[in-house]
Amino acid sequence: MPYVSGFIATLVVLILCRVEEIAEACSCSPVHPQQAFCNADIVIRAKVVGGKEVDAGNDIYGNPIKRIQYDIKQIKMFKGPDHHIDMIFTAPSSAVCGISMETNGKKEYLISGKTDGNRNMYVTLCDLIMPWESMSATQKKSLSQRYQMGCDCKITRCAALPCLTNTPEECLWTDWVTEKIIHGRQADHYACIKRVDGSCAWYRGSAPPKKEFLENEDP
């Protein structure tokens, strides 16, 4: 039955192609903005003023590696080295975690990423990349001091109830179970801060915590 055999062969090819597409897709676990800040080597506010594809050497098989180079105008550095960042690099497509940004210089971004130790900054879809205008006032204020104050704490994402913390140094991130969104109230308005007794708790507001720490405080 050549028709059936041909159909099965085609189906197998389609399945294999789909499996390959899934294997190549970029996958990132959701993280709280503070956790993304703490995980990053560099966090800056910048405009993107240009972009182009560049060669980045060859892989172990001799195939050329492509990268997208974004030329940027740094506005402020919140975390990183003592020199300006003039360009960032990312993978050429979202399938391999590359990011896409507007290059007309009109939109400001918060950009976090890693450094290779050679003054180069690399970013992926798993890093915190946000239009500056979309950030809350608390998030913007927290970049200068508060997020760093909680980098010794651990933010644990609650994906389904019940959720429990294992240590006093954890803050439970419940936006997904309470609001069904990743960027909810805790992501937009709270930071996980270490208290004087070594434990960690959520703190709300744009001002630095008072000496007498309160677990939840309005701006």
Protein backbone atom coordinates (compact mmCIF):
# COMPACT_ATOMS: atom_id res chain seq x y z
CA MET A 1 0.00 0.00 0.00
CA PRO A 2 2.31 2.77 -1.25
CA TYR A 3 -0.17 5.55 -0.46
CA VAL A 4 -0.38 4.58 3.21
CA SER A 5 3.39 4.12 3.43
CA GLY A 6 3.93 7.52 1.89
CA PHE A 7 1.46 9.14 4.27
CA ILE A 8 3.12 7.55 7.29
CA ALA A 9 6.56 8.67 6.10
CA THR A 10 5.30 12.22 5.65
CA LEU A 11 3.68 12.15 9.08
CA VAL A 12 6.91 10.97 10.68
CA VAL A 13 8.83 13.79 9.01
CA LEU A 14 6.29 16.36 10.24
CA ILE A 15 6.46 15.00 13.78
CA LEU A 16 10.26 15.06 13.76
CA CYS A 17 10.23 18.63 12.47
CA ARG A 18 7.79 19.66 15.20
CA VAL A 19 9.94 17.98 17.86
CA GLU A 20 12.98 19.84 16.51
CA GLU A 21 11.08 23.15 16.63
CA ILE A 22 10.08 22.51 20.24
CA ALA A 23 13.64 21.53 21.17
CA GLU A 24 14.95 24.74 19.63
CA ALA A 25 12.35 27.00 21.26
CA CYS A 26 13.48 29.36 23.99
CA SER A 27 12.15 28.54 27.43
CA CYS A 28 12.48 30.79 30.50
CA SER A 29 11.17 30.37 34.02
CA PRO A 30 9.30 33.46 35.28
CA VAL A 31 11.28 35.53 37.78
CA HIS A 32 10.36 38.51 39.94
CA PRO A 33 11.99 41.76 38.70
CA GLN A 34 14.09 41.90 41.87
CA GLN A 35 15.40 38.38 41.25
CA ALA A 36 16.23 39.32 37.66
CA PHE A 37 18.10 42.38 38.95
CA CYS A 38 20.08 40.31 41.45
CA ASN A 39 20.92 37.63 38.85
CA ALA A 40 22.20 40.18 36.31
CA ASP A 41 25.78 41.41 35.96
CA ILE A 42 24.63 44.68 34.41
CA VAL A 43 21.37 46.66 34.71
CA ILE A 44 20.99 49.90 32.74
CA ARG A 45 18.47 52.36 31.41
CA ALA A 46 19.14 53.09 27.75
CA LYS A 47 17.88 53.99 24.30
CA VAL A 48 18.61 51.74 21.32
CA VAL A 49 19.93 53.81 18.42
CA GLY A 50 20.97 51.13 15.94
CA GLY A 51 21.15 47.43 15.24
CA LYS A 52 22.82 45.03 12.82
CA GLU A 53 23.75 41.37 12.43
CA VAL A 54 27.40 40.59 13.08
CA ASP A 55 29.67 37.54 12.96
CA ALA A 56 30.65 36.04 16.31
CA GLY A 57 33.10 33.37 15.20
CA ASN A 58 32.33 29.71 14.54
CA ASP A 59 30.87 26.91 16.62
CA ILE A 60 32.72 23.64 17.35
CA TYR A 61 31.58 22.29 13.97
CA GLY A 62 32.92 25.26 12.04
CA ASN A 63 29.51 26.80 11.38
CA PRO A 64 29.35 30.63 11.60
CA ILE A 65 27.70 32.12 14.67
CA LYS A 66 25.55 35.19 14.14
CA ARG A 67 24.62 37.79 16.73
CA ILE A 68 22.52 40.95 16.70
CA GLN A 69 24.48 43.98 17.86
CA TYR A 70 22.38 46.81 19.27
CA ASP A 71 24.06 50.19 19.59
CA ILE A 72 22.75 51.97 22.66
CA LYS A 73 22.86 55.30 24.41
CA GLN A 74 23.19 54.62 28.12
CA ILE A 75 21.13 56.94 30.33
CA LYS A 76 21.84 55.44 33.75
CA MET A 77 23.60 52.39 35.18
CA PHE A 78 21.99 50.76 38.21
CA LYS A 79 24.38 47.83 38.45
CA GLY A 80 27.56 46.98 36.62
CA PRO A 81 31.11 48.08 35.75
CA ASP A 82 32.58 51.57 36.01
CA HIS A 83 32.38 52.23 32.28
CA HIS A 84 29.58 53.06 29.88
CA ILE A 85 27.91 50.33 27.85
CA ASP A 86 27.82 51.31 24.17
CA MET A 87 26.42 48.11 22.66
CA ILE A 88 24.68 44.90 23.62
CA PHE A 89 24.59 41.53 21.88
CA THR A 90 21.81 38.98 21.56
CA ALA A 91 20.97 35.86 19.58
CA PRO A 92 19.55 36.37 16.06
CA SER A 93 16.03 35.07 16.78
CA SER A 94 13.58 34.53 19.63
CA ALA A 95 13.76 30.77 19.03
CA VAL A 96 17.25 30.86 20.54
CA CYS A 97 16.35 33.48 23.16
CA GLY A 98 17.27 36.56 21.15
CA ILE A 99 15.45 39.81 21.90
CA SER A 100 14.03 42.39 19.52
CA MET A 101 14.00 46.11 20.33
CA GLU A 102 13.12 49.31 18.52
CA THR A 103 16.23 50.99 17.11
CA ASN A 104 14.93 54.50 16.36
CA GLY A 105 16.24 55.90 19.62
CA LYS A 106 12.80 57.05 20.78
CA LYS A 107 11.96 54.34 23.31
CA GLU A 108 13.81 53.94 26.60
CA TYR A 109 14.39 50.46 28.02
CA LEU A 110 15.45 48.88 31.25
CA ILE A 111 18.00 46.30 30.13
CA SER A 112 19.60 43.64 32.31
CA GLY A 113 22.11 41.05 31.18
CA LYS A 114 25.44 39.32 31.59
CA THR A 115 29.01 40.32 30.80
CA ASP A 116 31.76 38.18 29.34
CA GLY A 117 34.49 40.06 31.20
CA ASN A 118 35.60 41.85 28.03
CA ARG A 119 33.35 44.91 28.36
CA ASN A 120 30.65 43.18 26.28
CA MET A 121 27.05 42.83 27.45
CA TYR A 122 24.82 39.93 26.38
CA VAL A 123 21.04 39.78 26.77
CA THR A 124 18.39 37.09 26.23
CA LEU A 125 14.64 36.71 26.52
CA CYS A 126 15.25 35.30 29.99
CA ASP A 127 16.73 38.62 31.18
CA LEU A 128 14.65 41.55 32.40
CA ILE A 129 14.05 43.77 29.36
CA MET A 130 11.21 46.28 29.78
CA PRO A 131 10.13 49.55 28.18
CA TRP A 132 10.90 52.19 30.81
CA GLU A 133 7.45 53.74 30.48
CA SER A 134 5.76 50.44 31.38
CA MET A 135 7.52 50.15 34.74
CA SER A 136 5.81 51.14 37.98
CA ALA A 137 7.14 53.99 40.12
CA THR A 138 8.11 51.47 42.79
CA GLN A 139 10.11 49.37 40.33
CA LYS A 140 12.00 52.43 39.10
CA LYS A 141 12.84 53.56 42.65
CA SER A 142 13.83 50.04 43.72
CA LEU A 143 16.51 49.83 41.02
CA SER A 144 18.66 52.38 42.84
CA GLN A 145 18.79 50.71 46.26
CA ARG A 146 16.00 48.46 47.40
CA TYR A 147 16.41 45.50 45.05
CA GLN A 148 20.10 45.27 45.95
CA MET A 149 19.19 45.23 49.65
CA GLY A 150 17.32 41.96 49.11
CA CYS A 151 19.77 40.08 46.92
CA ASP A 152 20.61 37.77 49.84
CA CYS A 153 16.94 36.79 50.02
CA LYS A 154 15.26 34.15 47.87
CA ILE A 155 12.01 34.83 46.03
CA THR A 156 10.06 31.59 45.58
CA ARG A 157 7.35 31.56 42.92
CA CYS A 158 4.07 29.94 43.92
CA ALA A 159 2.70 28.11 40.86
CA ALA A 160 -0.18 26.31 42.59
CA LEU A 161 -1.67 26.21 46.06
CA PRO A 162 -0.70 25.27 48.70
CA CYS A 163 2.66 27.09 48.75
CA LEU A 164 5.11 27.15 51.63
CA THR A 165 8.51 28.69 52.26
CA ASN A 166 11.32 26.47 53.47
CA THR A 167 13.51 29.05 55.21
CA PRO A 168 13.05 32.48 56.86
CA GLU A 169 15.16 33.98 54.05
CA GLU A 170 12.39 33.38 51.46
CA CYS A 171 9.57 35.57 50.19
CA LEU A 172 6.63 33.79 48.56
CA TRP A 173 5.70 35.26 45.16
CA THR A 174 1.99 34.60 44.67
CA ASP A 175 0.99 36.81 41.72
CA TRP A 176 0.23 33.81 39.51
CA VAL A 177 -2.16 32.08 41.93
CA THR A 178 -3.86 35.28 43.16
CA GLU A 179 -4.11 37.27 39.92
CA LYS A 180 -3.33 34.69 37.20
CA ILE A 181 -0.59 36.93 35.83
CA ILE A 182 3.18 36.99 36.31
CA HIS A 183 3.55 40.77 36.57
CA GLY A 184 0.99 41.39 39.30
CA ARG A 185 0.96 43.46 42.47
CA GLN A 186 4.01 41.85 44.07
CA ALA A 187 6.07 42.16 40.89
CA ASP A 188 5.03 45.79 40.36
CA HIS A 189 5.01 47.16 43.90
CA TYR A 190 6.95 44.93 46.30
CA ALA A 191 10.57 44.07 47.08
CA CYS A 192 11.82 41.24 49.25
CA ILE A 193 14.08 42.79 51.90
CA LYS A 194 16.27 41.26 54.60
CA ARG A 195 15.31 42.39 58.10
CA VAL A 196 17.61 42.99 61.06
CA ASP A 197 17.00 39.45 62.39
CA GLY A 198 18.19 37.92 59.10
CA SER A 199 14.74 36.90 57.87
CA CYS A 200 13.21 38.28 54.67
CA ALA A 201 9.80 39.81 54.04
CA TRP A 202 7.92 41.75 51.38
CA TYR A 203 8.11 45.53 51.62
CA ARG A 204 5.87 47.86 49.67
CA GLY A 205 6.58 51.46 48.72
CA SER A 206 9.07 53.58 46.83
CA ALA A 207 10.96 54.97 49.85
CA PRO A 208 13.78 53.00 51.53
CA PRO A 209 12.60 50.86 54.47
CA LYS A 210 12.57 52.53 57.86
CA LYS A 211 14.95 51.43 60.56
CA GLU A 212 12.12 49.63 62.28
CA PHE A 213 11.21 47.27 59.44
CA LEU A 214 7.57 46.83 58.55
CA GLU A 215 6.52 43.81 56.51
CA ASN A 216 4.05 45.73 54.40
CA GLU A 217 4.04 49.48 54.06
CA ASP A 218 2.28 51.76 51.62
CA PRO A 219 4.19 54.54 49.85
